[in-house]
Each structure stands twice: as structure tokens, then as C-alpha cells.
Amino acid sequence: MASRIHDILRTVFGRQPRADAAVQFLRYVISGGTAFVFDYATVLLLTELAGFPYLLSTACGFCVGLLITYFMSVVWIFDERRVANKTGEFLVFGIIALTGIALSLGFMWLFTDICSIDYRISKLITTVIVSVWNFVLKKKILFTK
């Protein structure tokens, strides 16, 4: 039993990218969690301390999270890459991110301004929705041959 748990942990947390979609999704969740911490902290710091409007803070936080997620995606999560050119790959990754930022801003506005939900709670809800969207697009477009 302990050996099986050790094997699972080694598979999920190992250094090499994996082909298994379940492992990729778990790693994406870990990557996303890491990116979320920095994204959310950026939103809070810029909104609360620097006085930025929450939508501008959301865009800045999203960019921070994007860089973290890109790095972890190419180094640790996905084992196959459709685009051989790293510049081209990052460009496509960025285009996918633009759809994500559009969704993030749209959902933040909807939940905060229309539904009157505090922007901090709106950010949590939005992150879940956009994370699933981003994983599916990245897996289908960039990281599957």
C-alpha cells in the first residue's frame, strides 16, 4: 500500500512531463494553484494597496499567472508539443491567454458589477471557470500531437 502511494506521488510530482491525461490535469491543478496564489496576491495588492481599479488589477494578475503556467506547462505538465518553435508556441499560448483574460474580465464584471458579489469572491469563481477553459484549449491546441 505504501509502495503504491509512493509510486502515485512520484508519478504526479516527478520531474518528467507525462502522457497520462489524469496526471497532466493533476499537475495543471498544482500549476494553476501556484499561478493562482501569485495572480490573486497581485489583484489584492494592486487593488487594496496601490488603488488600481479591480479590472486592471485582474488583468495584471492574469499576466503573472500566465507566465507561471506557461513555464510549468512546457517544463513539467505536458509531454507532447504541437508547435516546435518556442516563440510560436508562446504566441499561441498568449492567444489562448487572451481568450482567458477576456473571459476573466467578463466574469469579474458580471459577478462584481451585475451580481453585486465582492470582487475577491468573484475572482475565486472566475478562476475556476477560466482554469478549466484554459486547460482544455491548451491541451487540444498546443500539447497534443
Protein backbone atom coordinates (compact mmCIF):
# COMPACT_ATOMS: atom_id res chain seq x y z
CA MET A 1 0.00 0.00 0.00
CA ALA A 2 2.73 2.47 0.98
CA SER A 3 4.66 1.50 -2.13
CA ARG A 4 1.61 2.20 -4.32
CA ILE A 5 1.11 5.63 -2.72
CA HIS A 6 4.80 6.37 -3.21
CA ASP A 7 4.52 5.41 -6.92
CA ILE A 8 1.49 7.67 -7.39
CA LEU A 9 3.22 10.60 -5.70
CA ARG A 10 6.36 10.03 -7.77
CA THR A 11 4.26 9.98 -10.94
CA VAL A 12 2.36 13.17 -10.10
CA PHE A 13 5.27 15.11 -8.61
CA GLY A 14 8.11 13.67 -10.72
CA ARG A 15 10.24 15.86 -12.91
CA GLN A 16 9.35 14.50 -16.33
CA PRO A 17 6.24 15.54 -18.26
CA ARG A 18 3.72 12.68 -18.59
CA ALA A 19 1.39 11.49 -21.36
CA ASP A 20 -1.37 10.42 -18.96
CA ALA A 21 -4.20 12.99 -19.14
CA ALA A 22 -5.16 12.46 -15.48
CA VAL A 23 -1.58 13.15 -14.36
CA GLN A 24 -1.45 16.16 -16.67
CA PHE A 25 -4.69 17.50 -15.20
CA LEU A 26 -3.45 17.00 -11.61
CA ARG A 27 -0.23 18.77 -12.49
CA TYR A 28 -2.22 21.51 -14.19
CA VAL A 29 -4.23 21.94 -10.98
CA ILE A 30 -1.00 22.22 -8.99
CA SER A 31 0.42 24.65 -11.55
CA GLY A 32 -2.83 26.56 -11.58
CA GLY A 33 -2.86 26.71 -7.79
CA THR A 34 0.63 28.14 -7.80
CA ALA A 35 -0.27 30.64 -10.51
CA PHE A 36 -3.49 31.49 -8.66
CA VAL A 37 -1.62 32.39 -5.46
CA PHE A 38 0.50 34.90 -7.38
CA ASP A 39 -2.43 36.08 -9.52
CA TYR A 40 -4.71 36.61 -6.50
CA ALA A 41 -1.96 38.29 -4.48
CA THR A 42 -1.30 40.65 -7.39
CA VAL A 43 -5.01 41.53 -7.61
CA LEU A 44 -5.26 42.18 -3.87
CA LEU A 45 -2.02 44.17 -3.66
CA LEU A 46 -2.77 46.33 -6.67
CA THR A 47 -6.41 46.93 -5.70
CA GLU A 48 -6.06 47.33 -1.93
CA LEU A 49 -2.61 48.90 -1.59
CA ALA A 50 -1.97 50.63 -4.91
CA GLY A 51 -5.57 51.72 -5.50
CA PHE A 52 -5.85 50.23 -9.02
CA PRO A 53 -9.35 49.52 -10.35
CA TYR A 54 -10.16 45.83 -9.81
CA LEU A 55 -10.42 45.11 -13.55
CA LEU A 56 -6.90 46.49 -14.19
CA SER A 57 -5.61 44.51 -11.21
CA THR A 58 -7.30 41.41 -12.63
CA ALA A 59 -5.52 41.87 -15.97
CA CYS A 60 -2.14 42.32 -14.26
CA GLY A 61 -2.67 39.29 -12.03
CA PHE A 62 -3.70 37.21 -15.01
CA CYS A 63 -0.44 38.08 -16.78
CA VAL A 64 1.60 37.00 -13.74
CA GLY A 65 -0.32 33.72 -13.63
CA LEU A 66 0.13 33.26 -17.38
CA LEU A 67 3.92 33.33 -17.13
CA ILE A 68 3.94 30.82 -14.29
CA THR A 69 1.52 28.49 -16.07
CA TYR A 70 3.43 28.66 -19.36
CA PHE A 71 6.71 27.75 -17.72
CA MET A 72 5.19 24.86 -15.78
CA SER A 73 3.27 23.64 -18.84
CA VAL A 74 6.31 23.29 -21.05
CA VAL A 75 8.70 22.03 -18.39
CA TRP A 76 6.55 19.79 -16.20
CA ILE A 77 2.94 19.16 -17.32
CA PHE A 78 2.67 18.25 -20.98
CA ASP A 79 4.87 15.69 -22.72
CA GLU A 80 3.93 16.48 -26.31
CA ARG A 81 4.23 19.78 -28.10
CA ARG A 82 2.45 20.55 -31.33
CA VAL A 83 4.43 23.71 -32.14
CA ALA A 84 8.17 23.11 -32.50
CA ASN A 85 9.15 26.79 -32.45
CA LYS A 86 9.16 28.07 -28.85
CA THR A 87 8.38 31.63 -29.93
CA GLY A 88 5.43 30.42 -31.98
CA GLU A 89 4.32 28.23 -29.10
CA PHE A 90 4.38 31.14 -26.66
CA LEU A 91 2.49 33.26 -29.19
CA VAL A 92 -0.28 30.64 -29.45
CA PHE A 93 -0.19 30.27 -25.65
CA GLY A 94 -0.62 34.05 -25.45
CA ILE A 95 -3.56 34.00 -27.86
CA ILE A 96 -5.24 31.33 -25.72
CA ALA A 97 -4.47 33.53 -22.72
CA LEU A 98 -6.21 36.46 -24.42
CA THR A 99 -9.41 34.41 -24.56
CA GLY A 100 -8.83 33.61 -20.90
CA ILE A 101 -8.32 37.25 -19.94
CA ALA A 102 -11.44 38.22 -21.89
CA LEU A 103 -13.41 35.58 -20.01
CA SER A 104 -11.83 36.65 -16.70
CA LEU A 105 -12.68 40.29 -17.19
CA GLY A 106 -16.17 39.44 -18.41
CA PHE A 107 -16.93 37.15 -15.48
CA MET A 108 -15.37 39.58 -12.98
CA TRP A 109 -17.57 42.38 -14.32
CA LEU A 110 -20.64 40.13 -14.38
CA PHE A 111 -20.20 38.77 -10.87
CA THR A 112 -18.98 42.03 -9.28
CA ASP A 113 -20.96 44.77 -11.01
CA ILE A 114 -24.09 42.93 -12.12
CA CYS A 115 -24.47 40.30 -9.39
CA SER A 116 -23.00 42.52 -6.61
CA ILE A 117 -20.56 39.86 -5.41
CA ASP A 118 -17.41 41.14 -3.69
CA TYR A 119 -14.53 41.24 -6.20
CA ARG A 120 -12.46 38.82 -4.06
CA ILE A 121 -15.20 36.17 -4.23
CA SER A 122 -15.79 36.95 -7.91
CA LYS A 123 -12.10 36.27 -8.52
CA LEU A 124 -12.35 32.83 -6.92
CA ILE A 125 -15.39 31.83 -9.00
CA THR A 126 -13.88 33.26 -12.18
CA THR A 127 -10.60 31.43 -11.65
CA VAL A 128 -12.29 28.02 -11.53
CA ILE A 129 -14.26 28.66 -14.74
CA VAL A 130 -11.34 30.11 -16.71
CA SER A 131 -8.86 27.46 -15.49
CA VAL A 132 -10.95 24.64 -16.95
CA TRP A 133 -11.35 26.59 -20.20
CA ASN A 134 -7.60 27.21 -20.44
CA PHE A 135 -6.64 23.59 -19.70
CA VAL A 136 -8.91 22.24 -22.43
CA LEU A 137 -7.69 24.74 -25.04
CA LYS A 138 -4.01 24.30 -24.21
CA LYS A 139 -4.27 20.50 -24.22
CA LYS A 140 -6.16 20.40 -27.53
CA ILE A 141 -4.31 23.14 -29.42
CA LEU A 142 -0.75 23.12 -28.09
CA PHE A 143 0.11 19.98 -26.19
CA THR A 144 -1.33 17.10 -28.22
CA LYS A 145 0.21 15.86 -31.46
